Protein backbone atom coordinates (compact mmCIF):
# COMPACT_ATOMS: atom_id res chain seq x y z
CA MET A 1 0.39 -13.14 -37.14
CA ILE A 2 2.85 -12.19 -34.39
CA GLU A 3 3.58 -14.87 -31.76
CA THR A 4 5.55 -13.83 -28.71
CA ARG A 5 6.68 -15.98 -25.78
CA VAL A 6 9.53 -14.30 -23.97
CA ARG A 7 11.16 -13.87 -20.58
CA LYS A 8 13.48 -11.14 -19.37
CA ARG A 9 14.98 -10.46 -15.97
CA PHE A 10 16.45 -7.20 -14.70
CA ALA A 11 18.54 -7.62 -11.55
CA PRO A 12 18.03 -5.18 -8.68
CA GLY A 13 20.56 -2.39 -8.35
CA PRO A 14 21.65 0.00 -5.59
CA GLU A 15 18.72 2.33 -6.33
CA SER A 16 16.37 0.15 -8.36
CA ALA A 17 14.21 -2.89 -7.74
CA GLY A 18 14.44 -6.02 -9.82
CA PHE A 19 11.95 -6.69 -12.61
CA ALA A 20 10.77 -10.00 -14.06
CA PHE A 21 9.04 -10.02 -17.45
CA ASP A 22 7.16 -13.09 -18.67
CA LEU A 23 4.74 -12.70 -21.59
CA ASP A 24 3.01 -15.11 -23.99
CA PHE A 25 0.51 -13.91 -26.60
CA LYS A 26 -0.54 -14.03 -30.26
CA ALA A 27 -1.98 -11.19 -32.36
CA GLY A 28 -3.48 -11.27 -35.83
CA SER A 29 -4.16 -8.62 -38.50
CA ALA A 30 -6.02 -6.17 -36.31
CA ILE A 31 -5.19 -3.64 -33.57
CA THR A 32 -4.10 -5.24 -30.31
CA VAL A 33 -3.93 -2.82 -27.41
CA LEU A 34 -1.31 -3.19 -24.66
CA PHE A 35 -2.79 -1.57 -21.56
CA GLY A 36 -1.33 -1.21 -18.10
CA PRO A 37 0.35 1.17 -15.65
CA SER A 38 3.80 2.68 -16.18
CA GLY A 39 6.48 0.10 -15.59
CA SER A 40 4.29 -2.89 -16.49
CA GLY A 41 6.35 -3.82 -19.56
CA LYS A 42 4.33 -2.38 -22.47
CA THR A 43 7.15 -0.53 -24.22
CA LEU A 44 9.55 -3.32 -23.31
CA THR A 45 7.27 -5.70 -25.25
CA LEU A 46 7.56 -3.53 -28.36
CA ASP A 47 11.32 -3.14 -27.96
CA MET A 48 11.87 -6.91 -27.72
CA ILE A 49 9.70 -7.58 -30.77
CA ALA A 50 11.53 -4.84 -32.73
CA GLY A 51 14.91 -6.24 -31.69
CA PHE A 52 16.12 -3.33 -29.54
CA VAL A 53 16.11 -5.46 -26.38
CA ARG A 54 17.16 -9.11 -26.37
CA PRO A 55 15.01 -11.46 -24.26
CA ASP A 56 16.71 -13.95 -21.95
CA GLN A 57 14.56 -16.80 -23.15
CA GLY A 58 11.69 -17.57 -25.52
CA ARG A 59 10.66 -17.17 -29.11
CA ILE A 60 9.24 -14.43 -31.34
CA MET A 61 7.71 -15.33 -34.70
CA LEU A 62 6.28 -12.98 -37.33
CA ASP A 63 4.22 -15.00 -39.82
CA ASP A 64 6.59 -17.87 -40.67
CA ALA A 65 9.81 -15.99 -39.84
CA ILE A 66 11.67 -16.54 -36.56
CA LEU A 67 12.80 -13.18 -35.21
CA PHE A 68 14.20 -14.53 -31.97
CA ASP A 69 14.76 -18.02 -30.56
CA GLY A 70 16.74 -18.31 -27.35
CA ASP A 71 17.34 -22.06 -27.61
CA ALA A 72 18.44 -21.90 -31.27
CA ARG A 73 20.44 -18.69 -30.66
CA VAL A 74 18.61 -16.82 -33.40
CA ASN A 75 18.33 -13.05 -33.01
CA ILE A 76 17.52 -11.18 -36.23
CA PRO A 77 18.81 -7.55 -36.18
CA PRO A 78 16.16 -4.80 -36.01
CA ARG A 79 16.75 -3.59 -39.60
CA SER A 80 15.86 -7.07 -40.93
CA ARG A 81 12.72 -7.71 -38.88
CA ARG A 82 10.30 -5.73 -41.08
CA CYS A 83 8.71 -4.05 -38.07
CA GLY A 84 7.50 -0.47 -38.43
CA TYR A 85 7.94 1.40 -35.12
CA VAL A 86 6.28 4.70 -34.16
CA PHE A 87 8.00 6.02 -31.04
CA GLN A 88 6.50 8.23 -28.33
CA ASN A 89 8.61 11.22 -29.41
CA TYR A 90 8.17 10.51 -33.15
CA ALA A 91 11.98 10.01 -33.54
CA LEU A 92 12.09 12.13 -36.71
CA PHE A 93 15.50 13.44 -37.71
CA PRO A 94 15.38 17.17 -36.83
CA HIS A 95 17.83 18.26 -39.56
CA MET A 96 15.89 16.51 -42.34
CA THR A 97 12.69 17.56 -44.11
CA LEU A 98 9.62 15.34 -43.83
CA ARG A 99 10.34 14.06 -47.35
CA ASP A 100 13.91 13.16 -46.42
CA ASN A 101 12.79 11.51 -43.20
CA MET A 102 10.54 9.20 -45.16
CA GLY A 103 13.17 8.61 -47.84
CA PHE A 104 15.71 7.60 -45.20
CA ALA A 105 13.68 4.43 -44.56
CA LEU A 106 14.23 3.51 -48.24
CA GLU A 107 17.93 4.37 -48.55
CA ASN A 108 18.72 0.98 -50.11
CA ARG A 109 16.06 1.26 -52.81
CA PRO A 110 16.69 2.72 -56.31
CA ARG A 111 16.33 6.51 -56.47
CA LEU A 112 13.30 6.51 -58.79
CA VAL A 113 11.50 3.87 -56.71
CA ARG A 114 12.28 5.81 -53.57
CA HIS A 115 10.98 9.03 -55.08
CA ARG A 116 7.72 7.36 -56.19
CA LEU A 117 7.04 5.67 -52.85
CA VAL A 118 7.74 8.85 -50.88
CA ASN A 119 5.36 10.86 -53.07
CA GLU A 120 2.66 8.22 -52.65
CA MET A 121 3.03 8.33 -48.87
CA LEU A 122 3.03 12.13 -48.78
CA ASP A 123 -0.25 12.12 -50.67
CA GLN A 124 -1.82 9.30 -48.63
CA PHE A 125 -1.02 10.99 -45.33
CA HIS A 126 -1.85 14.53 -46.53
CA LEU A 127 1.71 15.82 -46.09
CA ALA A 128 2.57 16.92 -49.66
CA GLU A 129 2.16 20.63 -48.82
CA VAL A 130 4.64 20.46 -45.94
CA ALA A 131 7.06 17.87 -47.39
CA GLY A 132 9.91 20.40 -47.53
CA ARG A 133 9.61 21.46 -43.89
CA ARG A 134 11.59 20.13 -40.97
CA PRO A 135 9.87 18.54 -37.97
CA HIS A 136 10.04 21.66 -35.79
CA GLU A 137 8.21 23.63 -38.52
CA VAL A 138 5.07 21.45 -38.60
CA SER A 139 2.25 20.65 -36.19
CA GLY A 140 2.17 17.72 -33.79
CA GLY A 141 -0.42 15.98 -35.94
CA GLN A 142 1.74 16.35 -39.04
CA LYS A 143 4.77 14.98 -37.21
CA GLN A 144 2.71 12.06 -36.03
CA ARG A 145 1.42 11.31 -39.54
CA CYS A 146 4.97 11.54 -40.91
CA SER A 147 6.20 9.11 -38.26
CA ILE A 148 3.45 6.61 -39.14
CA ALA A 149 4.08 7.04 -42.88
CA ARG A 150 7.82 6.46 -42.38
CA ALA A 151 7.08 3.30 -40.40
CA LEU A 152 4.84 1.99 -43.19
CA ILE A 153 6.80 3.03 -46.27
CA GLY A 154 9.02 -0.04 -46.22
CA SER A 155 5.97 -2.39 -46.31
CA PRO A 156 6.41 -3.83 -42.82
CA LYS A 157 4.71 -7.01 -41.68
CA LEU A 158 3.96 -5.50 -38.27
CA LEU A 159 3.33 -1.98 -36.96
CA LEU A 160 4.31 -1.01 -33.40
CA LEU A 161 2.84 2.15 -31.89
CA ASP A 162 4.03 3.44 -28.51
CA GLU A 163 1.38 5.81 -27.12
CA PRO A 164 0.86 7.57 -30.47
CA ALA A 165 -1.77 9.96 -29.11
CA ARG A 166 0.39 11.19 -26.24
CA GLY A 167 0.48 14.98 -26.10
CA LEU A 168 -2.11 15.48 -28.87
CA ASP A 169 -5.12 17.71 -28.27
CA ALA A 170 -8.68 16.48 -28.94
CA PRO A 171 -8.89 17.41 -32.67
CA LEU A 172 -5.43 15.95 -33.43
CA ARG A 173 -6.30 12.83 -31.45
CA ALA A 174 -9.48 12.36 -33.52
CA GLU A 175 -7.41 12.88 -36.68
CA LEU A 176 -4.90 10.25 -35.53
CA TYR A 177 -7.65 7.73 -34.77
CA ALA A 178 -9.07 8.20 -38.27
CA THR A 179 -5.59 7.66 -39.72
CA LEU A 180 -5.06 4.46 -37.74
CA ARG A 181 -8.45 3.07 -38.73
CA GLN A 182 -7.49 3.70 -42.36
CA VAL A 183 -4.10 2.06 -41.87
CA ARG A 184 -5.80 -1.00 -40.38
CA ALA A 185 -8.15 -1.22 -43.38
CA ASP A 186 -5.48 -0.61 -46.03
CA TYR A 187 -2.51 -2.61 -44.77
CA LYS A 188 -4.14 -5.57 -42.99
CA ILE A 189 -1.10 -6.26 -40.81
CA PRO A 190 -0.92 -6.79 -37.06
CA ILE A 191 -0.78 -3.53 -35.13
CA LEU A 192 0.36 -3.40 -31.49
CA LEU A 193 -0.70 -0.20 -29.75
CA VAL A 194 0.51 0.86 -26.31
CA THR A 195 -1.89 3.14 -24.44
CA HIS A 196 -2.96 4.27 -20.95
CA ASP A 197 -6.32 5.51 -22.28
CA LEU A 198 -9.35 3.21 -21.96
CA GLU A 199 -11.38 5.27 -24.43
CA GLU A 200 -8.58 4.87 -26.96
CA ALA A 201 -8.54 1.11 -26.32
CA LEU A 202 -12.31 0.95 -26.93
CA GLU A 203 -12.20 3.13 -30.02
CA LEU A 204 -9.31 1.41 -31.79
CA GLY A 205 -8.70 -2.00 -30.25
CA ASN A 206 -9.93 -5.36 -31.48
CA GLU A 207 -8.10 -7.15 -28.71
CA MET A 208 -6.75 -5.91 -25.38
CA LEU A 209 -3.84 -7.24 -23.33
CA VAL A 210 -3.72 -6.01 -19.72
CA LEU A 211 -0.18 -6.05 -18.29
CA ARG A 212 0.89 -5.69 -14.69
CA GLU A 213 4.45 -6.01 -13.37
CA GLY A 214 5.65 -7.80 -16.49
CA ARG A 215 2.81 -10.30 -16.71
CA LEU A 216 -0.40 -10.68 -18.70
CA VAL A 217 -3.29 -10.54 -16.24
CA GLN A 218 -6.23 -10.51 -18.69
CA SER A 219 -6.90 -10.48 -22.42
CA GLY A 220 -9.95 -10.25 -24.66
CA PRO A 221 -12.01 -7.69 -26.60
CA PRO A 222 -11.71 -4.30 -24.87
CA ARG A 223 -15.44 -4.07 -24.04
CA GLU A 224 -15.38 -7.54 -22.50
CA VAL A 225 -12.29 -6.79 -20.39
CA ILE A 226 -13.75 -3.51 -19.16
CA GLU A 227 -17.16 -4.94 -18.28
CA GLU A 228 -15.85 -8.20 -16.80
CA PRO A 229 -12.49 -7.66 -15.05
CA ALA A 230 -10.91 -11.01 -14.23
CA ASN A 231 -9.81 -10.09 -10.73
CA VAL A 232 -9.26 -7.27 -8.26
CA GLU A 233 -5.91 -6.37 -9.82
CA VAL A 234 -7.49 -5.74 -13.22
CA ALA A 235 -10.44 -3.84 -11.71
CA ARG A 236 -7.99 -1.55 -9.91
CA LEU A 237 -5.94 -1.00 -13.07
CA LEU A 238 -9.04 -0.05 -15.02
CA GLY A 239 -10.00 2.50 -12.36
CA LEU A 240 -13.69 2.24 -13.22
CA TYR A 241 -15.09 0.45 -10.18
CA ASN A 242 -15.87 0.73 -6.51
CA LEU A 243 -14.31 -2.32 -4.86
CA LEU A 244 -15.98 -3.76 -1.78
CA ALA A 245 -14.46 -6.45 0.44
CA VAL A 246 -17.50 -8.42 1.71
CA GLU A 247 -18.33 -11.59 3.62
CA ILE A 248 -21.09 -13.91 2.40
CA ARG A 249 -23.68 -14.23 5.17
CA ALA A 250 -26.45 -16.07 3.30
CA LEU A 251 -27.05 -17.82 -0.06
CA ASP A 252 -30.44 -18.77 -1.51
CA PRO A 253 -30.30 -20.27 -5.02
CA GLY A 254 -34.09 -20.74 -5.08
CA ARG A 255 -34.65 -16.99 -4.74
CA ASN A 256 -31.51 -16.06 -6.67
CA SER A 257 -30.29 -14.02 -3.72
CA SER A 258 -27.41 -13.56 -1.32
CA ARG A 259 -26.70 -11.46 1.75
CA LEU A 260 -23.32 -9.76 1.91
CA ARG A 261 -21.72 -8.06 4.90
CA TYR A 262 -19.90 -4.86 3.95
CA ARG A 263 -18.29 -3.09 6.89
CA ASP A 264 -21.19 -2.89 9.42
CA PHE A 265 -24.01 -3.22 6.90
CA ASP A 266 -25.82 -5.98 5.03
CA LEU A 267 -26.39 -5.81 1.28
CA GLN A 268 -28.80 -7.98 -0.69
CA GLY A 269 -27.26 -9.31 -3.88
CA GLN A 270 -27.90 -11.96 -6.48
CA TYR A 271 -27.02 -15.62 -5.86
CA ILE A 272 -23.29 -16.33 -6.07
CA PRO A 273 -22.56 -19.82 -7.40
CA GLY A 274 -19.37 -21.61 -6.41
CA HIS A 275 -18.97 -19.90 -3.03
CA LEU A 276 -19.78 -20.83 0.57
CA ILE A 277 -21.34 -18.93 3.44
CA GLY A 278 -18.54 -17.29 5.39
CA SER A 279 -16.36 -16.77 2.32
CA ARG A 280 -14.67 -13.40 1.99
CA ILE A 281 -14.81 -12.08 -1.56
CA TRP A 282 -14.50 -8.89 -3.58
CA VAL A 283 -17.45 -7.20 -5.23
CA CYS A 284 -17.18 -4.42 -7.80
CA VAL A 285 -19.77 -1.88 -8.91
CA ARG A 286 -19.46 1.08 -11.28
CA PRO A 287 -20.04 4.59 -9.87
CA ASP A 288 -22.77 5.27 -12.45
CA GLU A 289 -24.72 2.21 -11.24
CA LEU A 290 -25.03 3.56 -7.66
CA GLN A 291 -27.42 6.19 -6.40
CA ALA A 292 -26.58 8.90 -3.89
CA LEU A 293 -29.61 10.20 -1.98
CA PRO A 294 -30.29 12.52 0.95
CA ARG A 295 -30.48 10.60 4.20
CA ASN A 296 -33.99 10.61 5.58
CA GLY A 297 -34.18 8.71 8.83
CA LYS A 298 -33.11 5.08 9.02
CA PRO A 299 -31.45 3.81 5.82
CA ALA A 300 -33.57 1.44 3.75
CA GLN A 301 -32.46 -1.95 2.40
CA ASN A 302 -29.17 -1.76 0.46
CA GLN A 303 -28.60 1.82 1.62
CA ILE A 304 -25.45 2.76 3.52
CA PRO A 305 -24.89 6.12 5.23
CA VAL A 306 -21.80 7.89 3.96
CA ALA A 307 -19.83 11.09 4.45
CA LEU A 308 -19.24 13.25 1.38
CA ASN A 309 -15.61 14.31 0.95
CA TYR A 310 -15.78 16.34 -2.25
CA VAL A 311 -17.49 16.77 -5.63
CA VAL A 312 -15.71 16.53 -8.99
CA ASP A 313 -17.11 18.16 -12.13
CA ARG A 314 -17.33 15.94 -15.21
CA LEU A 315 -18.37 16.68 -18.79
CA ASN A 316 -21.54 14.62 -18.41
CA GLY A 317 -22.33 15.29 -14.77
CA VAL A 318 -20.61 15.16 -11.39
CA ARG A 319 -18.71 12.55 -9.40
CA LEU A 320 -19.34 12.41 -5.65
CA GLU A 321 -16.37 11.09 -3.67
CA PHE A 322 -17.44 9.62 -0.33
CA ALA A 323 -15.47 8.21 2.58
CA ASN A 324 -14.08 4.66 2.33
CA ASP A 325 -13.25 5.15 -1.39
CA LEU A 326 -16.86 5.09 -2.54
CA ALA A 327 -17.74 7.12 -5.63
CA VAL A 328 -21.08 7.84 -7.30
CA GLU A 329 -21.68 9.54 -10.64
CA MET A 330 -24.90 11.41 -11.38
CA PRO A 331 -26.29 14.00 -13.82
CA ARG A 332 -25.55 17.60 -12.83
CA ALA A 333 -29.23 18.54 -12.79
CA GLN A 334 -29.93 15.85 -10.20
CA TYR A 335 -27.01 16.89 -8.02
CA GLU A 336 -28.08 20.53 -8.09
CA LYS A 337 -31.29 19.49 -6.31
CA TYR A 338 -29.16 18.01 -3.51
CA ASP A 339 -26.25 20.48 -3.31
CA ARG A 340 -27.24 21.61 0.21
CA VAL A 341 -27.58 18.07 1.56
CA LYS A 342 -25.39 17.35 4.59
CA GLU A 343 -26.13 13.67 5.20
CA TRP A 344 -26.15 11.07 2.44
CA VAL A 345 -26.87 7.43 1.77
CA VAL A 346 -25.65 5.34 -1.14
CA GLN A 347 -28.10 2.89 -2.71
CA PHE A 348 -26.58 -0.40 -3.98
CA PRO A 349 -28.76 -2.15 -6.61
CA ALA A 350 -28.53 -5.93 -6.10
CA GLU A 351 -28.04 -6.60 -9.83
CA ALA A 352 -25.10 -4.19 -10.03
CA LEU A 353 -22.93 -6.07 -7.49
CA ARG A 354 -20.44 -8.14 -9.49
CA VAL A 355 -18.27 -10.77 -7.84
CA ILE A 356 -14.65 -10.87 -9.02
């Protein structure tokens, strides 16, 4: 178990803004994903836990060991924290072979023990055939596996991974994911994984921490966070939703309905508990839950006329980008029936409108 409650302030400079970091979380023996935009404090979190950056205040505990305590003036050096760290650029020594890179992490162990442990890791991570090569002589996937193996060879109590899939192509990424799933099963230690990729968070994460400007804005299982963003900030960070600023015009709990004013149009939605008529709220809806249709006369209920800006090809279909930041996703075969359409409407299903 890793428990982190830290604060850190960076004063503004002549060409840089100030930054305030304030984070409190716990993570058990699973993969916890740190997700957020660049500059939100994800790598800073790893660096403070590893001991490379000293917090101003707070406490960091790994199992029963105190790694940092501002009040007690405890700050264990990085080499004594038993944290394995996989950096974005692998951080392998370029003049050493892969075998020597791994052995370097065991320099204080007896030679025979070091030799045995390195051989075991080379076999476990399928690197025995390239053990004598230097980092520039092997593939990106092999460098990544060597970096993970080196981080684990000293039996750490925590593994820190800073965007480990960055720069890897699809096959190497799939190989990395398989490796990390095996590491999770074999080592049963907390793993903190920094990523910008939602699919990666879903595939690997047991828990997800969403960071913004140095603060935790939502946490929970990745699927839950993605399907139920806590607020507009999180919904924007996820980049998966259309966001509509609406005014509540009518509420009818008996019929489980509401009427929402969006721009110059009314939308019928489900009943919204805890709100009053006249309230201004945000509603989110995924692009794949909307329908784009040719305009045929006066728009029907929950249809809004829109102007098409451009069409984006996707692997599983197309994404239609309309004015006012509205997007709709649909199968390619369906779009091909409408590719000559000049005037469009977007259909908003009442059940798809989520209040945040």
